[in-house]
Amino acid sequence: MAISDIKEFAHLTETDIEAIGEELDAIRRDIESARGERDARYIRNTIRFQRSLELVGRLALVGSRRKGLWWLGAVSLGLAKIVENMEIGHNVMHGQWDWMNDPEIHSSTWEWDMVGVSSHWQHTHNHLHHKYTNILGLDDDIGYGTIRVTRDEPWNPAHLANLFWNTLLTLFFEWGVGMQSIVLRDKTIQKIEDPAERALAKKRRRESGEKIRRQITKDYVLFPALTGKAFRTTLTANALANVIRNIWANAVIFCGHFPDGAEKFTQADVENETRGQWYLRQMLGSANFNAGRVLGFLSGHLSHQIEHHIFPDLPSNHYHEIAVKVRALCEKYDLPYTTGAFARQYFLTWRTIAKLSLPDRFLSATSDNAPETSSELRFRVAGEPAKPKIDPATGVRQGLKSAYESTKRKARRAAARARDWESAAARTFEQHFG
């Protein structure tokens, strides 16, 4: 099972959790009061930079029959699409720049450069994923309906193709995102009983079809036609640019949600969830990766996925300073702060996807103590719930981070005892039969 009692899992009291909420609210107020011209200049410069990159790519593709210009055009255009999707579109549509009251850079007006309709994405992402982050049955981003990423989802033979489906999703990620809000589970539009819901589903299908036609026309008809004799090579360069963007966006997003330490939750407490519990769920359900300025910028600052899930509507260029305070808060309450090298975090997501393609009988861990997810039962001793502790020797709070470390120490000791036993058995065998 996934986490159904977040207090027990985190080894915190209700007072602790609400105190965490109050400290995070204070961080929000500090950032909101600090927003100003420097931030406005940052997003406007980012938009200018992205448009310059795109212009370089489009101009290079006029000569795309030459291999060097083909690569320059494809890569420049791919980078432009990455910046537009990750640092601009994603963050603008979260409302991070609405405080500027600039109609061009506003969550209600931005339409991004991909097949998905912005308003559809805002519904599935802002209003569902961020509200119900990693809650099984409520957050459709858990595996995107195609990939098994937690043992809480029962295995079926289709999961043998986990790696295949993830490869397809990686290459065509914009299509997965675009289809997410219009694909109906186990029913057709005609079977929707509520007239208003049926009308909304039809409207979304129509809007999605229109957006797909515009994107295909732009990338594979209009811009290639503008390059004249280079039509075919421009078309293939545009296709590669979209694939570059899709692979990168998929990698960044998966690194934030599926490496070890990004926990999953049940629907048990969501109806009565307090603000502090919501904050805590975002902290435990998200993962970061280490990044410098360039990698952070190209990821839309989602290298700070934990901070983004706590404050999705605060400007992304502040996440690095917010991270310092969030890490300090995790230390104070002995909570894990899940992060690691980008390559390692991405490897862990693929490892989980590969591992969970197999039936549970081939897996050693259970859904309570698996590395890719966990539950409060992992820390129960003789059936008793885990409780917040204060180390009597140091007076230091002992929470989830210490519980993880204690579990690892016990596992190492058990492994050492097993090795010692094997060595002793080997020596005895050799003495009697060698």
Protein backbone atom coordinates (compact mmCIF):
# COMPACT_ATOMS: atom_id res chain seq x y z
CA MET A 1 0.00 0.00 0.00
CA ALA A 2 1.04 3.63 -0.47
CA ILE A 3 1.10 6.16 2.35
CA SER A 4 -2.32 6.47 4.03
CA ASP A 5 -1.23 8.14 7.28
CA ILE A 6 1.19 10.95 6.53
CA LYS A 7 1.75 11.84 10.23
CA GLU A 8 2.84 8.32 11.09
CA PHE A 9 4.97 7.97 7.96
CA ALA A 10 6.76 11.28 8.57
CA HIS A 11 7.19 10.63 12.31
CA LEU A 12 5.67 14.04 13.07
CA THR A 13 2.91 15.29 15.33
CA GLU A 14 -0.01 17.36 14.07
CA THR A 15 1.61 20.37 15.75
CA ASP A 16 4.85 19.73 13.86
CA ILE A 17 3.03 19.53 10.52
CA GLU A 18 1.11 22.73 11.08
CA ALA A 19 4.33 24.47 12.18
CA ILE A 20 5.94 23.40 8.89
CA GLY A 21 2.96 24.91 7.07
CA GLU A 22 3.32 28.19 8.93
CA GLU A 23 7.05 28.41 8.15
CA LEU A 24 6.42 27.72 4.46
CA ASP A 25 3.65 30.33 4.40
CA ALA A 26 6.18 32.81 5.78
CA ILE A 27 8.62 31.92 2.96
CA ARG A 28 5.82 32.54 0.44
CA ARG A 29 5.11 35.97 1.89
CA ASP A 30 8.80 36.90 1.73
CA ILE A 31 9.05 35.99 -1.98
CA GLU A 32 5.78 37.70 -2.86
CA SER A 33 6.93 40.90 -1.21
CA ALA A 34 10.30 40.72 -3.02
CA ARG A 35 8.87 40.37 -6.55
CA GLY A 36 9.62 43.37 -8.71
CA GLU A 37 11.33 44.84 -11.74
CA ARG A 38 14.28 42.42 -11.57
CA ASP A 39 11.89 39.50 -11.99
CA ALA A 40 9.92 41.19 -14.77
CA ARG A 41 13.18 41.86 -16.59
CA TYR A 42 14.15 38.21 -16.17
CA ILE A 43 11.06 36.77 -17.86
CA ARG A 44 11.08 39.36 -20.65
CA ASN A 45 14.76 38.68 -21.36
CA THR A 46 14.02 34.95 -21.35
CA ILE A 47 11.29 35.43 -23.96
CA ARG A 48 13.62 37.54 -26.11
CA PHE A 49 16.35 34.91 -25.82
CA GLN A 50 13.94 32.12 -26.80
CA ARG A 51 12.68 34.02 -29.82
CA SER A 52 16.24 34.77 -30.91
CA LEU A 53 17.10 31.08 -30.69
CA GLU A 54 14.07 30.22 -32.79
CA LEU A 55 14.98 32.87 -35.37
CA VAL A 56 18.52 31.46 -35.66
CA GLY A 57 17.06 28.01 -36.21
CA ARG A 58 14.54 29.16 -38.83
CA LEU A 59 17.17 31.11 -40.77
CA ALA A 60 19.64 28.24 -40.69
CA LEU A 61 17.04 25.88 -42.11
CA VAL A 62 16.75 28.00 -45.26
CA GLY A 63 20.06 26.32 -46.16
CA SER A 64 19.20 23.00 -44.53
CA ARG A 65 20.24 21.00 -47.58
CA ARG A 66 23.73 21.55 -46.23
CA LYS A 67 24.34 19.13 -43.36
CA GLY A 68 25.95 21.67 -41.04
CA LEU A 69 23.05 24.12 -41.36
CA TRP A 70 20.56 21.27 -40.96
CA TRP A 71 22.08 20.37 -37.60
CA LEU A 72 22.38 24.03 -36.54
CA GLY A 73 18.74 24.64 -37.42
CA ALA A 74 17.42 21.48 -35.77
CA VAL A 75 19.38 21.93 -32.53
CA SER A 76 18.68 25.69 -32.25
CA LEU A 77 15.00 25.10 -32.85
CA GLY A 78 14.97 22.20 -30.38
CA LEU A 79 16.55 24.41 -27.69
CA ALA A 80 14.06 27.19 -28.48
CA LYS A 81 11.18 24.75 -28.00
CA ILE A 82 12.69 23.51 -24.71
CA VAL A 83 12.97 27.05 -23.33
CA GLU A 84 9.47 27.96 -24.55
CA ASN A 85 7.89 24.86 -23.02
CA MET A 86 9.86 24.57 -19.79
CA GLU A 87 10.96 27.99 -18.53
CA ILE A 88 8.30 30.10 -20.24
CA GLY A 89 5.09 28.21 -21.08
CA HIS A 90 4.98 25.86 -18.09
CA ASN A 91 5.73 28.63 -15.60
CA VAL A 92 3.61 31.34 -17.21
CA MET A 93 0.60 29.00 -17.24
CA HIS A 94 1.12 28.32 -13.55
CA GLY A 95 0.44 32.02 -12.97
CA GLN A 96 4.01 32.76 -11.86
CA TRP A 97 4.00 36.07 -13.74
CA ASP A 98 0.33 37.09 -13.41
CA TRP A 99 1.31 39.67 -10.79
CA MET A 100 2.87 41.74 -13.61
CA ASN A 101 -0.59 42.22 -15.20
CA ASP A 102 1.03 41.93 -18.63
CA PRO A 103 -1.56 40.44 -21.02
CA GLU A 104 1.19 38.87 -23.14
CA ILE A 105 2.75 37.03 -20.19
CA HIS A 106 -0.38 35.85 -18.38
CA SER A 107 -1.70 32.40 -17.51
CA SER A 108 -5.02 33.14 -19.18
CA THR A 109 -3.56 34.09 -22.57
CA TRP A 110 -0.38 32.07 -23.19
CA GLU A 111 -0.65 29.32 -25.81
CA TRP A 112 2.46 27.19 -25.98
CA ASP A 113 4.31 25.64 -28.89
CA MET A 114 3.07 22.04 -28.68
CA VAL A 115 0.03 20.02 -29.73
CA GLY A 116 -1.64 20.21 -26.30
CA VAL A 117 -4.13 23.02 -25.67
CA SER A 118 -2.90 25.29 -22.86
CA SER A 119 -6.27 25.48 -21.08
CA HIS A 120 -6.59 21.67 -21.17
CA TRP A 121 -3.12 21.26 -19.68
CA GLN A 122 -3.90 23.79 -16.96
CA HIS A 123 -6.88 21.67 -15.91
CA THR A 124 -5.06 18.32 -15.80
CA HIS A 125 -1.82 19.74 -14.42
CA ASN A 126 -2.55 22.80 -12.28
CA HIS A 127 -5.95 21.81 -10.94
CA LEU A 128 -5.54 18.02 -10.69
CA HIS A 129 -1.88 16.99 -10.57
CA HIS A 130 -0.73 19.77 -8.24
CA LYS A 131 -3.77 19.44 -5.98
CA TYR A 132 -3.66 15.64 -5.80
CA THR A 133 0.06 15.07 -6.29
CA ASN A 134 0.88 11.35 -6.36
CA ILE A 135 -2.49 10.33 -4.89
CA LEU A 136 -3.42 7.02 -6.47
CA GLY A 137 -6.70 7.23 -8.35
CA LEU A 138 -6.76 11.04 -8.41
CA ASP A 139 -3.48 12.04 -10.08
CA ASP A 140 -3.41 10.88 -13.71
CA ASP A 141 0.29 11.79 -13.94
CA ILE A 142 1.15 8.60 -12.03
CA GLY A 143 2.33 6.60 -15.02
CA TYR A 144 0.20 8.68 -17.42
CA GLY A 145 -2.25 5.79 -17.66
CA THR A 146 0.23 3.64 -19.61
CA ILE A 147 3.22 2.84 -17.37
CA ARG A 148 3.31 1.00 -14.05
CA VAL A 149 5.43 3.05 -11.63
CA THR A 150 4.18 1.74 -8.27
CA ARG A 151 3.42 -1.72 -6.87
CA ASP A 152 0.11 -0.36 -5.63
CA GLU A 153 -1.11 -0.70 -9.21
CA PRO A 154 -1.90 -4.40 -9.75
CA TRP A 155 0.31 -6.02 -12.37
CA ASN A 156 -1.20 -7.18 -15.64
CA PRO A 157 0.44 -8.66 -18.76
CA ALA A 158 0.33 -5.30 -20.58
CA HIS A 159 2.96 -4.05 -18.11
CA LEU A 160 5.52 -6.34 -19.74
CA ALA A 161 5.70 -3.56 -22.35
CA ASN A 162 6.53 -0.90 -19.71
CA LEU A 163 9.87 -0.04 -21.34
CA PHE A 164 8.36 0.04 -24.82
CA TRP A 165 5.52 2.36 -23.78
CA ASN A 166 7.90 4.63 -21.90
CA THR A 167 10.16 4.87 -24.94
CA LEU A 168 7.18 5.90 -27.07
CA LEU A 169 6.06 8.39 -24.42
CA THR A 170 9.58 9.83 -24.31
CA LEU A 171 9.78 10.36 -28.07
CA PHE A 172 6.22 11.68 -28.45
CA PHE A 173 5.76 13.30 -25.06
CA GLU A 174 3.88 16.36 -26.36
CA TRP A 175 1.25 14.01 -27.82
CA GLY A 176 0.87 12.21 -24.50
CA VAL A 177 0.36 15.54 -22.73
CA GLY A 178 -1.99 16.74 -25.46
CA MET A 179 -4.17 13.63 -25.35
CA GLN A 180 -4.32 13.44 -21.56
CA SER A 181 -7.32 15.72 -21.12
CA ILE A 182 -9.42 14.28 -23.94
CA VAL A 183 -8.93 10.52 -23.54
CA LEU A 184 -11.84 9.06 -21.60
CA ARG A 185 -11.31 6.00 -19.44
CA ASP A 186 -13.54 3.00 -20.16
CA LYS A 187 -16.23 5.02 -21.94
CA THR A 188 -17.01 7.01 -25.04
CA ILE A 189 -18.48 10.51 -25.18
CA GLN A 190 -21.86 9.04 -26.08
CA LYS A 191 -21.91 7.09 -22.78
CA ILE A 192 -21.43 10.19 -20.62
CA GLU A 193 -24.76 10.63 -18.85
CA ASP A 194 -24.44 14.25 -17.69
CA PRO A 195 -25.25 16.58 -20.65
CA ALA A 196 -22.89 19.31 -19.41
CA GLU A 197 -19.96 16.86 -19.08
CA ARG A 198 -20.73 15.39 -22.50
CA ALA A 199 -20.75 18.87 -24.05
CA LEU A 200 -17.44 19.71 -22.33
CA ALA A 201 -15.84 16.49 -23.61
CA LYS A 202 -16.96 17.29 -27.17
CA LYS A 203 -15.67 20.86 -26.85
CA ARG A 204 -12.25 19.63 -25.68
CA ARG A 205 -12.05 17.11 -28.53
CA ARG A 206 -12.83 19.88 -31.01
CA GLU A 207 -10.32 22.32 -29.49
CA SER A 208 -7.64 19.64 -29.41
CA GLY A 209 -8.23 18.79 -33.07
CA GLU A 210 -7.90 22.45 -34.02
CA LYS A 211 -4.65 22.85 -32.06
CA ILE A 212 -3.17 19.70 -33.59
CA ARG A 213 -3.99 20.94 -37.09
CA ARG A 214 -2.34 24.30 -36.37
CA GLN A 215 0.84 22.69 -35.00
CA ILE A 216 1.17 20.21 -37.84
CA THR A 217 0.58 22.96 -40.41
CA LYS A 218 3.16 25.23 -38.76
CA ASP A 219 5.93 22.64 -38.28
CA TYR A 220 5.43 20.38 -41.28
CA VAL A 221 3.82 22.54 -43.98
CA LEU A 222 4.18 26.31 -43.54
CA PHE A 223 7.77 26.69 -42.29
CA PRO A 224 9.18 23.99 -44.60
CA ALA A 225 7.38 25.69 -47.53
CA LEU A 226 9.03 29.00 -46.65
CA THR A 227 12.45 27.42 -47.22
CA GLY A 228 11.59 26.54 -50.84
CA LYS A 229 13.78 23.78 -52.23
CA ALA A 230 14.83 22.84 -48.71
CA PHE A 231 11.24 21.77 -47.87
CA ARG A 232 12.07 18.13 -47.14
CA THR A 233 15.22 18.78 -45.08
CA THR A 234 13.46 21.54 -43.12
CA LEU A 235 10.57 19.19 -42.39
CA THR A 236 12.93 16.53 -40.99
CA ALA A 237 14.83 19.14 -38.95
CA ASN A 238 11.54 20.38 -37.48
CA ALA A 239 10.63 16.80 -36.57
CA LEU A 240 13.98 16.34 -34.84
CA ALA A 241 13.53 19.62 -32.94
CA ASN A 242 10.21 18.35 -31.57
CA VAL A 243 11.80 15.04 -30.57
CA ILE A 244 14.66 16.87 -28.80
CA ARG A 245 12.10 18.89 -26.83
CA ASN A 246 9.97 15.80 -26.08
CA ILE A 247 12.89 13.72 -24.75
CA TRP A 248 14.13 16.55 -22.55
CA ALA A 249 10.70 17.48 -21.15
CA ASN A 250 9.96 13.84 -20.38
CA ALA A 251 13.30 13.35 -18.64
CA VAL A 252 12.95 16.46 -16.47
CA ILE A 253 9.37 15.67 -15.44
CA PHE A 254 10.07 12.00 -14.73
CA CYS A 255 13.12 12.95 -12.63
CA GLY A 256 10.79 15.05 -10.48
CA HIS A 257 8.21 12.34 -9.81
CA PHE A 258 9.51 8.78 -10.22
CA PRO A 259 13.00 8.32 -8.75
CA ASP A 260 13.44 6.59 -5.39
CA GLY A 261 12.12 8.77 -2.57
CA ALA A 262 9.22 10.32 -4.49
CA GLU A 263 6.40 8.74 -2.50
CA LYS A 264 2.83 7.81 -3.48
CA PHE A 265 -0.30 8.31 -1.37
CA THR A 266 -3.79 6.86 -0.93
CA GLN A 267 -7.05 8.80 -0.86
CA ALA A 268 -7.54 8.06 2.86
CA ASP A 269 -6.94 11.54 4.31
CA VAL A 270 -7.27 13.83 1.32
CA GLU A 271 -10.77 15.08 2.18
CA ASN A 272 -9.63 16.35 5.59
CA GLU A 273 -6.13 17.39 4.52
CA THR A 274 -4.85 20.54 6.21
CA ARG A 275 -2.62 23.13 4.58
CA GLY A 276 0.36 21.76 6.49
CA GLN A 277 -0.39 18.19 5.38
CA TRP A 278 -0.69 19.35 1.76
CA TYR A 279 2.72 21.01 2.02
CA LEU A 280 4.22 17.87 3.55
CA ARG A 281 2.74 15.67 0.82
CA GLN A 282 4.33 17.88 -1.85
CA MET A 283 7.71 17.64 -0.09
CA LEU A 284 7.57 13.85 0.23
CA GLY A 285 6.04 13.21 -3.19
CA SER A 286 8.56 15.18 -5.28
CA ALA A 287 12.26 14.86 -6.08
CA ASN A 288 14.96 17.30 -7.23
CA PHE A 289 18.13 16.88 -9.23
CA ASN A 290 21.38 18.79 -8.84
CA ALA A 291 21.80 21.51 -11.45
CA GLY A 292 23.86 24.58 -12.19
CA ARG A 293 22.55 27.69 -13.91
CA VAL A 294 22.36 26.27 -17.44
CA LEU A 295 20.80 22.92 -16.51
CA GLY A 296 18.41 24.64 -14.11
CA PHE A 297 17.34 27.14 -16.77
CA LEU A 298 16.80 24.47 -19.45
CA SER A 299 14.71 22.45 -17.00
CA GLY A 300 12.43 25.42 -16.33
CA HIS A 301 13.98 25.33 -12.83
CA LEU A 302 12.17 22.02 -12.30
CA SER A 303 15.50 20.78 -11.00
CA HIS A 304 13.80 22.25 -7.91
CA GLN A 305 10.67 20.11 -8.27
CA ILE A 306 10.15 20.04 -4.50
CA GLU A 307 10.09 23.83 -4.31
CA HIS A 308 7.91 24.02 -7.42
CA HIS A 309 5.32 21.69 -5.90
CA ILE A 310 5.27 23.68 -2.68
CA PHE A 311 5.01 27.04 -4.50
CA PRO A 312 3.87 26.37 -8.10
CA ASP A 313 2.81 29.98 -8.66
CA LEU A 314 5.96 31.73 -7.41
CA PRO A 315 8.51 32.88 -10.04
CA SER A 316 10.87 30.05 -11.00
CA ASN A 317 13.97 32.27 -10.78
CA HIS A 318 13.47 32.33 -6.99
CA TYR A 319 13.48 28.54 -6.52
CA HIS A 320 17.22 28.37 -5.84
CA GLU A 321 16.90 30.71 -2.84
CA ILE A 322 13.70 29.02 -1.65
CA ALA A 323 15.55 25.68 -1.78
CA VAL A 324 18.04 26.83 0.86
CA LYS A 325 15.19 27.53 3.29
CA VAL A 326 13.29 24.33 2.45
CA ARG A 327 16.41 22.20 3.02
CA ALA A 328 16.94 23.90 6.37
CA LEU A 329 13.32 23.15 7.26
CA CYS A 330 13.83 19.49 6.33
CA GLU A 331 16.89 19.35 8.58
CA LYS A 332 14.97 20.97 11.42
CA TYR A 333 12.18 18.38 11.29
CA ASP A 334 14.44 15.47 10.27
CA LEU A 335 12.76 15.01 6.89
CA PRO A 336 14.44 13.65 3.75
CA TYR A 337 15.20 16.09 0.95
CA THR A 338 15.27 13.87 -2.13
CA THR A 339 17.84 14.97 -4.70
CA GLY A 340 20.78 13.63 -6.68
CA ALA A 341 22.70 13.93 -9.92
CA PHE A 342 20.50 14.28 -12.98
CA ALA A 343 21.87 11.11 -14.58
CA ARG A 344 21.30 9.12 -11.39
CA GLN A 345 17.72 10.36 -10.91
CA TYR A 346 16.87 9.60 -14.53
CA PHE A 347 18.44 6.14 -14.28
CA LEU A 348 16.33 5.40 -11.20
CA THR A 349 13.12 6.22 -13.07
CA TRP A 350 14.01 3.80 -15.88
CA ARG A 351 15.08 1.17 -13.34
CA THR A 352 11.71 1.40 -11.62
CA ILE A 353 9.84 1.24 -14.92
CA ALA A 354 11.86 -1.82 -15.98
CA LYS A 355 11.48 -3.53 -12.60
CA LEU A 356 7.73 -3.00 -12.38
CA SER A 357 7.17 -4.47 -15.80
CA LEU A 358 7.54 -7.82 -14.01
CA PRO A 359 4.93 -9.58 -11.84
CA ASP A 360 5.29 -8.94 -8.11
CA ARG A 361 6.42 -12.52 -7.45
CA PHE A 362 9.70 -11.70 -9.19
CA LEU A 363 10.32 -8.65 -6.98
CA SER A 364 12.02 -8.88 -3.60
CA ALA A 365 10.52 -5.85 -1.81
CA THR A 366 6.85 -5.20 -1.07
CA SER A 367 4.66 -2.16 -1.68
CA ASP A 368 5.41 -1.12 1.92
CA ASN A 369 9.20 -1.01 1.72
CA ALA A 370 10.10 -0.78 -1.97
CA PRO A 371 12.70 1.85 -2.88
CA GLU A 372 10.43 3.57 -5.42
CA THR A 373 7.55 4.00 -2.96
CA SER A 374 6.75 3.17 0.63
CA SER A 375 4.11 3.27 3.35
CA GLU A 376 3.85 3.89 7.07
CA LEU A 377 3.85 0.10 7.65
CA ARG A 378 7.54 0.12 6.74
CA PHE A 379 8.39 1.67 10.09
CA ARG A 380 6.01 -0.20 12.38
CA VAL A 381 7.58 -2.38 15.06
CA ALA A 382 5.48 -5.33 16.25
CA GLY A 383 2.46 -3.73 14.63
CA GLU A 384 2.79 -0.51 16.62
CA PRO A 385 2.58 2.83 14.70
CA ALA A 386 5.71 4.91 14.36
CA LYS A 387 5.78 7.83 16.79
CA PRO A 388 7.72 11.12 16.89
CA LYS A 389 10.82 10.81 19.06
CA ILE A 390 13.39 13.06 20.70
CA ASP A 391 16.86 11.58 21.11
CA PRO A 392 17.38 11.63 24.92
CA ALA A 393 21.15 11.97 24.51
CA THR A 394 21.16 14.95 22.14
CA GLY A 395 17.65 16.37 22.39
CA VAL A 396 17.50 16.25 18.59
CA ARG A 397 14.23 15.40 16.88
CA GLN A 398 14.16 11.99 15.20
CA GLY A 399 11.90 11.86 12.18
CA LEU A 400 11.56 10.21 8.81
CA LYS A 401 15.14 10.88 7.71
CA SER A 402 16.50 9.11 10.78
CA ALA A 403 14.01 6.29 10.27
CA TYR A 404 15.31 5.78 6.73
CA GLU A 405 18.91 5.75 7.97
CA SER A 406 18.03 3.30 10.75
CA THR A 407 16.39 0.98 8.21
CA LYS A 408 19.49 1.12 6.00
CA ARG A 409 21.78 0.37 8.97
CA LYS A 410 19.67 -2.65 9.91
CA ALA A 411 19.79 -3.88 6.32
CA ARG A 412 23.59 -3.47 6.22
CA ARG A 413 23.97 -5.33 9.52
CA ALA A 414 21.73 -8.15 8.27
CA ALA A 415 23.77 -8.40 5.08
CA ALA A 416 27.02 -8.44 7.08
CA ARG A 417 25.68 -11.23 9.33
CA ALA A 418 24.69 -13.21 6.25
CA ARG A 419 28.17 -12.80 4.77
CA ASP A 420 29.75 -13.84 8.08
CA TRP A 421 27.55 -16.92 8.23
CA GLU A 422 28.42 -17.86 4.65
CA SER A 423 32.14 -17.43 5.40
CA ALA A 424 31.88 -19.54 8.55
CA ALA A 425 29.96 -22.24 6.70
CA ALA A 426 32.57 -22.27 3.93
CA ARG A 427 35.43 -22.62 6.45
CA THR A 428 33.63 -25.47 8.26
CA PHE A 429 33.01 -27.25 4.97
CA GLU A 430 36.65 -26.87 3.97
CA GLN A 431 37.86 -28.18 7.35
CA HIS A 432 35.75 -31.32 7.12
CA PHE A 433 35.78 -32.04 3.43
CA GLY A 434 38.66 -29.96 1.98
